Amino acid sequence: MGGIDYLVTGAQGQLGRAVMALLQRRGLGAVGVDVQEMPLEQRAAIQAVVAAQRPRCVLHLGAITNVDGCEAEPLLACRVNGLATAWIAEAAAAAGAGLAYVSTDFVFDGRSAGVPYPVDAAPNPLSVYGLSKRLGEEAVLAHGRADFYVVRTSWVFGPGGRNFPRAILDRARSGQPLKVVTDQVGRPTMTLDLAEALVDLAEARAPGGIYHAANEGQCSWHQFAGDILRAAGLGDVVVGTQTAADHAAALVAAGKPPPAARPAWSVLDTGKLAAVRGRPLPDYRDALRRHLELDRAAAAAGDAAAGGPLRGKQYG
């Protein structure tokens, strides 16, 4: 039926690069596309690429992920994250291909404190970003296909490009003060581990529907910052505390727009995916250690891709 095993959107993003490398290691045929080859704002382009490649499965990773930027451009966010996902689902169904769509913990409002969100918890996004990703979820689930998956994840980091560990380490090494919020709790997720989970799910031909994928363990952003500094041998750096409300007030006082609302609690219950794979993802502290080792190796090798930020207009 299919010309290739996988078509990967957002292939130049952090997760996309991890997925493409994994597929190559596993000997699975894959074509990666980004905005140049398949603009997500153009339905005809999406239909043409999917029809031409005839994949067995589409891994839809492309998205606008700038949470605060989505607040400034809500129509663009909903068009790319919501409507374009509907077009990709439509094209995949027409081609007889499966689909795995990466979504987010931001579809929840964070009011389930103390209880990890099960896959069937009622979404209630607080931000435009969360809303736009929920629209994408609904578009995928509406097909009711056994090979269509929504895979929610959280707090993604990984080698290359912008990420929270690099931001914390850059600031600490430059001697700048660190203040990190204490009242947002979730599950950090490394791109390399998330890539394994996505491909495992698709290859297992698991029942369609919603799955949660995140590294084991949970922490606040403040605790995660401390974990990063200790893992990098900078445990003597003091990390100041602030609440999300204090952070928003500080931005406004500095003449900047307030940040988008974020769930105070976004711990995902990953049991369903672990049952399919036969194992959970590794603990986030183990993932962090591996991430830092890879970053150090890339820096030592002079790998510019690992050090610089991603290009400005990128869906991934």
C-alpha atoms as a PDB file:
ATOM      1  CA  MET A   1       0.000   0.000   0.000  1.00  0.00           C
ATOM      2  CA  GLY A   2       2.533   2.574   1.130  1.00  0.00           C
ATOM      3  CA  GLY A   3       5.585   3.848  -0.664  1.00  0.00           C
ATOM      4  CA  ILE A   4       7.468   4.477   2.603  1.00  0.00           C
ATOM      5  CA  ASP A   5       7.072   3.490   6.230  1.00  0.00           C
ATOM      6  CA  TYR A   6       6.831   6.964   7.760  1.00  0.00           C
ATOM      7  CA  LEU A   7       6.213  10.551   6.749  1.00  0.00           C
ATOM      8  CA  VAL A   8       7.441  12.868   9.526  1.00  0.00           C
ATOM      9  CA  THR A   9       6.259  16.481   9.754  1.00  0.00           C
ATOM     10  CA  GLY A  10       8.287  19.046  11.685  1.00  0.00           C
ATOM     11  CA  ALA A  11      11.349  16.986  10.815  1.00  0.00           C
ATOM     12  CA  GLN A  12      13.799  19.821  11.516  1.00  0.00           C
ATOM     13  CA  GLY A  13      12.576  20.411  15.069  1.00  0.00           C
ATOM     14  CA  GLN A  14      14.210  18.884  18.136  1.00  0.00           C
ATOM     15  CA  LEU A  15      11.763  15.995  18.288  1.00  0.00           C
ATOM     16  CA  GLY A  16      11.690  15.619  14.519  1.00  0.00           C
ATOM     17  CA  ARG A  17      15.443  15.176  14.321  1.00  0.00           C
ATOM     18  CA  ALA A  18      15.330  12.579  17.094  1.00  0.00           C
ATOM     19  CA  VAL A  19      12.544  10.665  15.334  1.00  0.00           C
ATOM     20  CA  MET A  20      14.279  10.719  11.951  1.00  0.00           C
ATOM     21  CA  ALA A  21      17.529   9.441  13.465  1.00  0.00           C
ATOM     22  CA  LEU A  22      15.682   6.665  15.295  1.00  0.00           C
ATOM     23  CA  LEU A  23      13.814   5.538  12.182  1.00  0.00           C
ATOM     24  CA  GLN A  24      17.094   5.362  10.304  1.00  0.00           C
ATOM     25  CA  ARG A  25      18.690   3.272  13.067  1.00  0.00           C
ATOM     26  CA  ARG A  26      15.746   0.890  12.985  1.00  0.00           C
ATOM     27  CA  GLY A  27      15.955   0.510   9.227  1.00  0.00           C
ATOM     28  CA  LEU A  28      12.521   2.036   8.639  1.00  0.00           C
ATOM     29  CA  GLY A  29      12.023   4.083   5.492  1.00  0.00           C
ATOM     30  CA  ALA A  30      11.120   7.664   6.282  1.00  0.00           C
ATOM     31  CA  VAL A  31      10.738  11.029   4.602  1.00  0.00           C
ATOM     32  CA  GLY A  32      10.911  14.139   6.759  1.00  0.00           C
ATOM     33  CA  VAL A  33       9.225  17.388   5.765  1.00  0.00           C
ATOM     34  CA  ASP A  34       9.104  20.844   7.273  1.00  0.00           C
ATOM     35  CA  VAL A  35       7.572  24.160   6.245  1.00  0.00           C
ATOM     36  CA  GLN A  36       9.581  24.368   3.028  1.00  0.00           C
ATOM     37  CA  GLU A  37       8.303  21.051   1.660  1.00  0.00           C
ATOM     38  CA  MET A  38       4.832  21.048   3.211  1.00  0.00           C
ATOM     39  CA  PRO A  39       3.494  24.383   4.504  1.00  0.00           C
ATOM     40  CA  LEU A  40       0.986  23.559   7.224  1.00  0.00           C
ATOM     41  CA  GLU A  41      -1.149  26.523   6.240  1.00  0.00           C
ATOM     42  CA  GLN A  42      -1.860  25.047   2.797  1.00  0.00           C
ATOM     43  CA  ARG A  43      -4.353  22.207   2.520  1.00  0.00           C
ATOM     44  CA  ALA A  44      -3.438  21.430  -1.084  1.00  0.00           C
ATOM     45  CA  ALA A  45       0.250  21.115  -0.219  1.00  0.00           C
ATOM     46  CA  ILE A  46      -0.533  18.693   2.606  1.00  0.00           C
ATOM     47  CA  GLN A  47      -2.738  16.564   0.381  1.00  0.00           C
ATOM     48  CA  ALA A  48      -0.130  16.507  -2.384  1.00  0.00           C
ATOM     49  CA  VAL A  49       2.762  15.457  -0.147  1.00  0.00           C
ATOM     50  CA  VAL A  50       0.851  12.692   1.627  1.00  0.00           C
ATOM     51  CA  ALA A  51      -0.561  11.347  -1.636  1.00  0.00           C
ATOM     52  CA  ALA A  52       2.870  11.407  -3.304  1.00  0.00           C
ATOM     53  CA  GLN A  53       4.732   9.689  -0.443  1.00  0.00           C
ATOM     54  CA  ARG A  54       2.032   7.063   0.320  1.00  0.00           C
ATOM     55  CA  PRO A  55       3.315   6.416   3.864  1.00  0.00           C
ATOM     56  CA  ARG A  56       2.260   3.567   6.081  1.00  0.00           C
ATOM     57  CA  CYS A  57       2.000   6.096   8.925  1.00  0.00           C
ATOM     58  CA  VAL A  58       2.283   9.862   9.361  1.00  0.00           C
ATOM     59  CA  LEU A  59       4.049  11.119  12.482  1.00  0.00           C
ATOM     60  CA  HIS A  60       2.693  14.647  12.838  1.00  0.00           C
ATOM     61  CA  LEU A  61       5.173  16.573  14.969  1.00  0.00           C
ATOM     62  CA  GLY A  62       4.946  19.952  13.238  1.00  0.00           C
ATOM     63  CA  ALA A  63       3.316  22.692  15.284  1.00  0.00           C
ATOM     64  CA  ILE A  64       3.659  26.214  16.557  1.00  0.00           C
ATOM     65  CA  THR A  65       4.973  25.547  20.048  1.00  0.00           C
ATOM     66  CA  ASN A  66       5.694  29.089  21.250  1.00  0.00           C
ATOM     67  CA  VAL A  67       3.094  29.177  24.024  1.00  0.00           C
ATOM     68  CA  ASP A  68       3.245  32.917  24.647  1.00  0.00           C
ATOM     69  CA  GLY A  69       3.472  33.669  20.924  1.00  0.00           C
ATOM     70  CA  CYS A  70       0.207  31.819  20.354  1.00  0.00           C
ATOM     71  CA  GLU A  71      -1.542  34.335  22.623  1.00  0.00           C
ATOM     72  CA  ALA A  72      -0.405  37.121  20.301  1.00  0.00           C
ATOM     73  CA  GLU A  73      -1.461  35.284  17.128  1.00  0.00           C
ATOM     74  CA  PRO A  74      -4.431  33.078  18.051  1.00  0.00           C
ATOM     75  CA  LEU A  75      -5.767  32.667  14.517  1.00  0.00           C
ATOM     76  CA  LEU A  76      -2.404  31.493  13.199  1.00  0.00           C
ATOM     77  CA  ALA A  77      -2.014  29.108  16.141  1.00  0.00           C
ATOM     78  CA  CYS A  78      -5.433  27.557  15.581  1.00  0.00           C
ATOM     79  CA  ARG A  79      -4.898  27.346  11.838  1.00  0.00           C
ATOM     80  CA  VAL A  80      -1.531  25.581  12.111  1.00  0.00           C
ATOM     81  CA  ASN A  81      -2.090  23.468  15.221  1.00  0.00           C
ATOM     82  CA  GLY A  82      -5.786  22.777  14.731  1.00  0.00           C
ATOM     83  CA  LEU A  83      -6.946  23.143  11.147  1.00  0.00           C
ATOM     84  CA  ALA A  84      -3.737  21.856   9.561  1.00  0.00           C
ATOM     85  CA  THR A  85      -3.936  18.773  11.770  1.00  0.00           C
ATOM     86  CA  ALA A  86      -7.460  18.195  10.455  1.00  0.00           C
ATOM     87  CA  TRP A  87      -6.094  18.427   6.913  1.00  0.00           C
ATOM     88  CA  ILE A  88      -3.288  15.975   7.711  1.00  0.00           C
ATOM     89  CA  ALA A  89      -5.759  13.532   9.273  1.00  0.00           C
ATOM     90  CA  GLU A  90      -7.963  13.888   6.193  1.00  0.00           C
ATOM     91  CA  ALA A  91      -5.025  13.232   3.862  1.00  0.00           C
ATOM     92  CA  ALA A  92      -3.771  10.275   5.915  1.00  0.00           C
ATOM     93  CA  ALA A  93      -7.218   8.680   5.943  1.00  0.00           C
ATOM     94  CA  ALA A  94      -7.537   9.151   2.186  1.00  0.00           C
ATOM     95  CA  ALA A  95      -4.164   7.467   1.686  1.00  0.00           C
ATOM     96  CA  GLY A  96      -5.021   4.611   4.058  1.00  0.00           C
ATOM     97  CA  ALA A  97      -2.164   5.676   6.339  1.00  0.00           C
ATOM     98  CA  GLY A  98      -2.023   5.641  10.114  1.00  0.00           C
ATOM     99  CA  LEU A  99      -1.405   8.852  12.072  1.00  0.00           C
ATOM    100  CA  ALA A 100       0.280   9.717  15.353  1.00  0.00           C
ATOM    101  CA  TYR A 101      -0.263  13.330  16.432  1.00  0.00           C
ATOM    102  CA  VAL A 102       1.864  14.792  19.216  1.00  0.00           C
ATOM    103  CA  SER A 103      -0.190  16.915  21.613  1.00  0.00           C
ATOM    104  CA  THR A 104       0.418  18.495  24.986  1.00  0.00           C
ATOM    105  CA  ASP A 105      -0.351  18.594  28.692  1.00  0.00           C
ATOM    106  CA  PHE A 106      -1.562  22.162  28.071  1.00  0.00           C
ATOM    107  CA  VAL A 107      -4.962  20.765  27.070  1.00  0.00           C
ATOM    108  CA  PHE A 108      -5.623  20.481  30.827  1.00  0.00           C
ATOM    109  CA  ASP A 109      -6.356  23.253  33.330  1.00  0.00           C
ATOM    110  CA  GLY A 110      -4.130  21.922  36.124  1.00  0.00           C
ATOM    111  CA  ARG A 111      -6.902  21.663  38.690  1.00  0.00           C
ATOM    112  CA  SER A 112      -6.399  17.933  39.269  1.00  0.00           C
ATOM    113  CA  ALA A 113      -3.540  18.567  41.698  1.00  0.00           C
ATOM    114  CA  GLY A 114      -2.146  15.403  43.247  1.00  0.00           C
ATOM    115  CA  VAL A 115      -3.753  13.035  40.719  1.00  0.00           C
ATOM    116  CA  PRO A 116      -1.995  12.314  37.405  1.00  0.00           C
ATOM    117  CA  TYR A 117      -4.240  13.039  34.441  1.00  0.00           C
ATOM    118  CA  PRO A 118      -5.586   9.814  32.872  1.00  0.00           C
ATOM    119  CA  VAL A 119      -5.978   9.676  29.112  1.00  0.00           C
ATOM    120  CA  ASP A 120      -9.756  10.084  29.395  1.00  0.00           C
ATOM    121  CA  ALA A 121      -9.665  13.175  31.639  1.00  0.00           C
ATOM    122  CA  ALA A 122     -11.761  16.065  30.369  1.00  0.00           C
ATOM    123  CA  PRO A 123      -9.616  18.693  28.614  1.00  0.00           C
ATOM    124  CA  ASN A 124     -10.016  22.340  29.596  1.00  0.00           C
ATOM    125  CA  PRO A 125      -7.159  24.384  28.106  1.00  0.00           C
ATOM    126  CA  LEU A 126      -6.201  27.692  29.707  1.00  0.00           C
ATOM    127  CA  SER A 127      -4.228  29.122  26.789  1.00  0.00           C
ATOM    128  CA  VAL A 128      -4.552  29.645  23.051  1.00  0.00           C
ATOM    129  CA  TYR A 129      -1.769  27.119  22.570  1.00  0.00           C
ATOM    130  CA  GLY A 130      -3.634  24.506  24.608  1.00  0.00           C
ATOM    131  CA  LEU A 131      -6.858  25.262  22.748  1.00  0.00           C
ATOM    132  CA  SER A 132      -5.183  25.010  19.352  1.00  0.00           C
ATOM    133  CA  LYS A 133      -3.664  21.643  20.212  1.00  0.00           C
ATOM    134  CA  ARG A 134      -6.996  20.392  21.545  1.00  0.00           C
ATOM    135  CA  LEU A 135      -8.592  21.333  18.224  1.00  0.00           C
ATOM    136  CA  GLY A 136      -5.983  19.136  16.555  1.00  0.00           C
ATOM    137  CA  GLU A 137      -6.786  16.285  18.941  1.00  0.00           C
ATOM    138  CA  GLU A 138     -10.477  16.505  18.159  1.00  0.00           C
ATOM    139  CA  ALA A 139      -9.783  16.444  14.428  1.00  0.00           C
ATOM    140  CA  VAL A 140      -7.727  13.245  14.737  1.00  0.00           C
ATOM    141  CA  LEU A 141     -10.120  11.479  17.105  1.00  0.00           C
ATOM    142  CA  ALA A 142     -13.144  12.360  14.966  1.00  0.00           C
ATOM    143  CA  HIS A 143     -11.998   9.821  12.355  1.00  0.00           C
ATOM    144  CA  GLY A 144     -12.386   6.991  14.865  1.00  0.00           C
ATOM    145  CA  ARG A 145      -9.690   4.973  13.141  1.00  0.00           C
ATOM    146  CA  ALA A 146      -7.886   2.133  14.881  1.00  0.00           C
ATOM    147  CA  ASP A 147      -4.519   3.434  13.631  1.00  0.00           C
ATOM    148  CA  PHE A 148      -4.954   7.104  14.578  1.00  0.00           C
ATOM    149  CA  TYR A 149      -3.227   8.171  17.800  1.00  0.00           C
ATOM    150  CA  VAL A 150      -3.108  11.310  19.928  1.00  0.00           C
ATOM    151  CA  VAL A 151       0.079  11.269  22.010  1.00  0.00           C
ATOM    152  CA  ARG A 152       0.208  13.914  24.733  1.00  0.00           C
ATOM    153  CA  THR A 153       3.556  14.820  26.234  1.00  0.00           C
ATOM    154  CA  SER A 154       4.981  17.490  28.537  1.00  0.00           C
ATOM    155  CA  TRP A 155       7.991  19.696  29.278  1.00  0.00           C
ATOM    156  CA  VAL A 156       9.981  18.506  26.276  1.00  0.00           C
ATOM    157  CA  PHE A 157      13.758  18.969  26.148  1.00  0.00           C
ATOM    158  CA  GLY A 158      16.528  17.402  24.137  1.00  0.00           C
ATOM    159  CA  PRO A 159      19.836  17.909  22.359  1.00  0.00           C
ATOM    160  CA  GLY A 160      19.950  20.815  19.926  1.00  0.00           C
ATOM    161  CA  GLY A 161      18.114  24.116  19.815  1.00  0.00           C
ATOM    162  CA  ARG A 162      16.362  25.917  22.635  1.00  0.00           C
ATOM    163  CA  ASN A 163      15.482  23.998  25.768  1.00  0.00           C
ATOM    164  CA  PHE A 164      15.072  24.550  29.495  1.00  0.00           C
ATOM    165  CA  PRO A 165      18.318  22.845  30.602  1.00  0.00           C
ATOM    166  CA  ARG A 166      20.393  24.988  28.254  1.00  0.00           C
ATOM    167  CA  ALA A 167      18.621  28.172  29.360  1.00  0.00           C
ATOM    168  CA  ILE A 168      19.291  27.377  33.015  1.00  0.00           C
ATOM    169  CA  LEU A 169      22.941  26.484  32.451  1.00  0.00           C
ATOM    170  CA  ASP A 170      23.634  29.495  30.222  1.00  0.00           C
ATOM    171  CA  ARG A 171      22.191  31.826  32.818  1.00  0.00           C
ATOM    172  CA  ALA A 172      24.034  30.169  35.709  1.00  0.00           C
ATOM    173  CA  ARG A 173      27.390  30.191  33.905  1.00  0.00           C
ATOM    174  CA  SER A 174      27.000  33.848  32.982  1.00  0.00           C
ATOM    175  CA  GLY A 175      26.476  34.740  36.634  1.00  0.00           C
ATOM    176  CA  GLN A 176      22.945  35.999  36.119  1.00  0.00           C
ATOM    177  CA  PRO A 177      20.459  35.499  38.955  1.00  0.00           C
ATOM    178  CA  LEU A 178      18.129  32.539  38.642  1.00  0.00           C
ATOM    179  CA  LYS A 179      14.477  32.688  39.639  1.00  0.00           C
ATOM    180  CA  VAL A 180      12.298  29.734  38.760  1.00  0.00           C
ATOM    181  CA  VAL A 181       8.633  29.119  39.548  1.00  0.00           C
ATOM    182  CA  THR A 182       7.769  26.661  42.293  1.00  0.00           C
ATOM    183  CA  ASP A 183       4.022  26.251  41.741  1.00  0.00           C
ATOM    184  CA  GLN A 184       3.944  24.454  38.379  1.00  0.00           C
ATOM    185  CA  VAL A 185       4.487  20.684  38.505  1.00  0.00           C
ATOM    186  CA  GLY A 186       4.830  18.275  35.616  1.00  0.00           C
ATOM    187  CA  ARG A 187       6.918  15.560  33.982  1.00  0.00           C
ATOM    188  CA  PRO A 188      10.020  16.521  31.949  1.00  0.00           C
ATOM    189  CA  THR A 189      10.358  14.496  28.745  1.00  0.00           C
ATOM    190  CA  MET A 190      13.476  13.959  26.649  1.00  0.00           C
ATOM    191  CA  THR A 191      13.068  13.969  22.874  1.00  0.00           C
ATOM    192  CA  LEU A 192      15.092  10.774  22.403  1.00  0.00           C
ATOM    193  CA  ASP A 193      12.858   8.840  24.793  1.00  0.00           C
ATOM    194  CA  LEU A 194       9.697  10.369  23.340  1.00  0.00           C
ATOM    195  CA  ALA A 195      10.815   9.373  19.840  1.00  0.00           C
ATOM    196  CA  GLU A 196      11.218   5.755  21.009  1.00  0.00           C
ATOM    197  CA  ALA A 197       7.729   5.796  22.521  1.00  0.00           C
ATOM    198  CA  LEU A 198       6.123   7.234  19.369  1.00  0.00           C
ATOM    199  CA  VAL A 199       7.696   4.711  17.032  1.00  0.00           C
ATOM    200  CA  ASP A 200       7.054   1.833  19.427  1.00  0.00           C
ATOM    201  CA  LEU A 201       3.364   2.783  19.569  1.00  0.00           C
ATOM    202  CA  ALA A 202       3.024   2.950  15.797  1.00  0.00           C
ATOM    203  CA  GLU A 203       4.979  -0.266  15.223  1.00  0.00           C
ATOM    204  CA  ALA A 204       2.929  -2.144  17.838  1.00  0.00           C
ATOM    205  CA  ARG A 205      -0.270  -1.378  15.894  1.00  0.00           C
ATOM    206  CA  ALA A 206      -1.842  -0.563  19.258  1.00  0.00           C
ATOM    207  CA  PRO A 207      -5.532   0.349  19.460  1.00  0.00           C
ATOM    208  CA  GLY A 208      -6.187   3.913  18.347  1.00  0.00           C
ATOM    209  CA  GLY A 209      -6.991   6.741  20.721  1.00  0.00           C
ATOM    210  CA  ILE A 210      -5.186   8.865  23.305  1.00  0.00           C
ATOM    211  CA  TYR A 211      -1.891   7.973  24.960  1.00  0.00           C
ATOM    212  CA  HIS A 212       0.317   9.905  27.382  1.00  0.00           C
ATOM    213  CA  ALA A 213       4.098   9.817  26.912  1.00  0.00           C
ATOM    214  CA  ALA A 214       6.504  11.347  29.432  1.00  0.00           C
ATOM    215  CA  ASN A 215       9.577  10.360  31.386  1.00  0.00           C
ATOM    216  CA  GLU A 216       8.953   8.880  34.816  1.00  0.00           C
ATOM    217  CA  GLY A 217       8.988  11.118  37.876  1.00  0.00           C
ATOM    218  CA  GLN A 218       7.588  14.586  38.482  1.00  0.00           C
ATOM    219  CA  CYS A 219       8.927  17.913  39.691  1.00  0.00           C
ATOM    220  CA  SER A 220       8.337  21.654  39.730  1.00  0.00           C
ATOM    221  CA  TRP A 221      10.265  23.885  37.344  1.00  0.00           C
ATOM    222  CA  HIS A 222      12.273  25.036  40.368  1.00  0.00           C
ATOM    223  CA  GLN A 223      13.182  21.464  41.295  1.00  0.00           C
ATOM    224  CA  PHE A 224      14.042  20.674  37.676  1.00  0.00           C
ATOM    225  CA  ALA A 225      16.395  23.670  37.589  1.00  0.00           C
ATOM    226  CA  GLY A 226      18.139  22.336  40.695  1.00  0.00           C
ATOM    227  CA  ASP A 227      18.408  18.879  39.151  1.00  0.00           C
ATOM    228  CA  ILE A 228      20.001  20.410  36.050  1.00  0.00           C
ATOM    229  CA  LEU A 229      22.593  22.361  38.015  1.00  0.00           C
ATOM    230  CA  ARG A 230      23.533  19.369  40.154  1.00  0.00           C
ATOM    231  CA  ALA A 231      23.816  17.082  37.118  1.00  0.00           C
ATOM    232  CA  ALA A 232      26.099  19.657  35.459  1.00  0.00           C
ATOM    233  CA  GLY A 233      28.272  20.004  38.565  1.00  0.00           C
ATOM    234  CA  LEU A 234      26.961  23.489  39.417  1.00  0.00           C
ATOM    235  CA  GLY A 235      25.059  22.535  42.524  1.00  0.00           C
ATOM    236  CA  ASP A 236      26.356  25.540  44.448  1.00  0.00           C
ATOM    237  CA  VAL A 237      24.366  27.988  42.299  1.00  0.00           C
ATOM    238  CA  VAL A 238      21.417  29.389  44.238  1.00  0.00           C
ATOM    239  CA  VAL A 239      18.070  29.126  42.476  1.00  0.00           C
ATOM    240  CA  GLY A 240      15.615  31.745  43.677  1.00  0.00           C
ATOM    241  CA  THR A 241      11.926  31.025  43.982  1.00  0.00           C
ATOM    242  CA  GLN A 242       8.879  32.789  42.646  1.00  0.00           C
ATOM    243  CA  THR A 243       5.273  31.933  41.937  1.00  0.00           C
ATOM    244  CA  ALA A 244       3.776  31.994  38.473  1.00  0.00           C
ATOM    245  CA  ALA A 245       1.833  35.118  39.488  1.00  0.00           C
ATOM    246  CA  ASP A 246       5.040  36.838  40.629  1.00  0.00           C
ATOM    247  CA  HIS A 247       6.716  35.930  37.343  1.00  0.00           C
ATOM    248  CA  ALA A 248       3.831  37.407  35.354  1.00  0.00           C
ATOM    249  CA  ALA A 249       3.892  40.580  37.457  1.00  0.00           C
ATOM    250  CA  ALA A 250       7.638  40.966  36.914  1.00  0.00           C
ATOM    251  CA  LEU A 251       7.202  40.740  33.142  1.00  0.00           C
ATOM    252  CA  VAL A 252       4.458  43.354  33.142  1.00  0.00           C
ATOM    253  CA  ALA A 253       6.572  45.643  35.347  1.00  0.00           C
ATOM    254  CA  ALA A 254       9.378  45.324  32.793  1.00  0.00           C
ATOM    255  CA  GLY A 255       7.011  46.411  30.022  1.00  0.00           C
ATOM    256  CA  LYS A 256       6.611  42.940  28.545  1.00  0.00           C
ATOM    257  CA  PRO A 257       3.340  41.117  27.835  1.00  0.00           C
ATOM    258  CA  PRO A 258       2.185  38.701  30.530  1.00  0.00           C
ATOM    259  CA  PRO A 259       2.800  35.017  29.813  1.00  0.00           C
ATOM    260  CA  ALA A 260       0.062  32.672  28.716  1.00  0.00           C
ATOM    261  CA  ALA A 261      -1.714  30.840  31.514  1.00  0.00           C
ATOM    262  CA  ARG A 262      -0.119  27.486  32.249  1.00  0.00           C
ATOM    263  CA  PRO A 263      -1.549  24.549  34.222  1.00  0.00           C
ATOM    264  CA  ALA A 264      -0.202  24.464  37.774  1.00  0.00           C
ATOM    265  CA  TRP A 265      -0.372  20.661  37.680  1.00  0.00           C
ATOM    266  CA  SER A 266       0.178  18.749  34.453  1.00  0.00           C
ATOM    267  CA  VAL A 267       1.432  15.349  35.557  1.00  0.00           C
ATOM    268  CA  LEU A 268       0.304  12.806  32.959  1.00  0.00           C
ATOM    269  CA  ASP A 269      -0.665   9.210  33.717  1.00  0.00           C
ATOM    270  CA  THR A 270       1.442   7.178  31.288  1.00  0.00           C
ATOM    271  CA  GLY A 271       0.238   3.714  32.311  1.00  0.00           C
ATOM    272  CA  LYS A 272      -1.631   3.002  29.076  1.00  0.00           C
ATOM    273  CA  LEU A 273       1.429   3.562  26.903  1.00  0.00           C
ATOM    274  CA  ALA A 274       3.685   1.631  29.296  1.00  0.00           C
ATOM    275  CA  ALA A 275       1.348  -1.353  28.991  1.00  0.00           C
ATOM    276  CA  VAL A 276       1.584  -1.278  25.198  1.00  0.00           C
ATOM    277  CA  ARG A 277       5.386  -0.954  25.207  1.00  0.00           C
ATOM    278  CA  GLY A 278       5.935  -3.337  28.097  1.00  0.00           C
ATOM    279  CA  ARG A 279       7.907  -0.678  29.979  1.00  0.00           C
ATOM    280  CA  PRO A 280       7.670   2.989  30.955  1.00  0.00           C
ATOM    281  CA  LEU A 281       9.987   5.702  29.732  1.00  0.00           C
ATOM    282  CA  PRO A 282      13.125   6.146  31.888  1.00  0.00           C
ATOM    283  CA  ASP A 283      13.140   8.489  34.881  1.00  0.00           C
ATOM    284  CA  TYR A 284      13.557  12.135  33.887  1.00  0.00           C
ATOM    285  CA  ARG A 285      16.773  12.436  35.936  1.00  0.00           C
ATOM    286  CA  ASP A 286      18.336   9.634  33.897  1.00  0.00           C
ATOM    287  CA  ALA A 287      17.119  11.368  30.745  1.00  0.00           C
ATOM    288  CA  LEU A 288      18.636  14.648  31.929  1.00  0.00           C
ATOM    289  CA  ARG A 289      22.008  12.980  32.559  1.00  0.00           C
ATOM    290  CA  ARG A 290      22.032  11.540  29.026  1.00  0.00           C
ATOM    291  CA  HIS A 291      20.934  14.861  27.562  1.00  0.00           C
ATOM    292  CA  LEU A 292      23.803  16.730  29.225  1.00  0.00           C
ATOM    293  CA  GLU A 293      26.324  14.100  28.108  1.00  0.00           C
ATOM    294  CA  LEU A 294      25.172  14.432  24.504  1.00  0.00           C
ATOM    295  CA  ASP A 295      25.219  18.223  24.683  1.00  0.00           C
ATOM    296  CA  ARG A 296      28.758  18.200  26.061  1.00  0.00           C
ATOM    297  CA  ALA A 297      29.912  15.790  23.363  1.00  0.00           C
ATOM    298  CA  ALA A 298      28.327  17.897  20.643  1.00  0.00           C
ATOM    299  CA  ALA A 299      29.894  21.073  22.022  1.00  0.00           C
ATOM    300  CA  ALA A 300      33.298  19.418  22.183  1.00  0.00           C
ATOM    301  CA  ALA A 301      32.920  18.329  18.566  1.00  0.00           C
ATOM    302  CA  GLY A 302      31.953  21.835  17.516  1.00  0.00           C
ATOM    303  CA  ASP A 303      28.478  20.763  16.389  1.00  0.00           C
ATOM    304  CA  ALA A 304      26.771  24.039  15.494  1.00  0.00           C
ATOM    305  CA  ALA A 305      23.386  22.345  15.280  1.00  0.00           C
ATOM    306  CA  ALA A 306      23.565  21.492  18.959  1.00  0.00           C
ATOM    307  CA  GLY A 307      24.495  25.000  20.014  1.00  0.00           C
ATOM    308  CA  GLY A 308      22.398  27.407  18.006  1.00  0.00           C
ATOM    309  CA  PRO A 309      18.715  28.228  18.197  1.00  0.00           C
ATOM    310  CA  LEU A 310      16.315  26.836  15.651  1.00  0.00           C
ATOM    311  CA  ARG A 311      15.350  28.972  12.672  1.00  0.00           C
ATOM    312  CA  GLY A 312      12.772  31.632  13.330  1.00  0.00           C
ATOM    313  CA  LYS A 313       9.724  30.307  11.445  1.00  0.00           C
ATOM    314  CA  GLN A 314       9.569  26.655  12.215  1.00  0.00           C
ATOM    315  CA  TYR A 315       6.706  24.345  13.092  1.00  0.00           C
ATOM    316  CA  GLY A 316       8.412  21.800  15.301  1.00  0.00           C
END
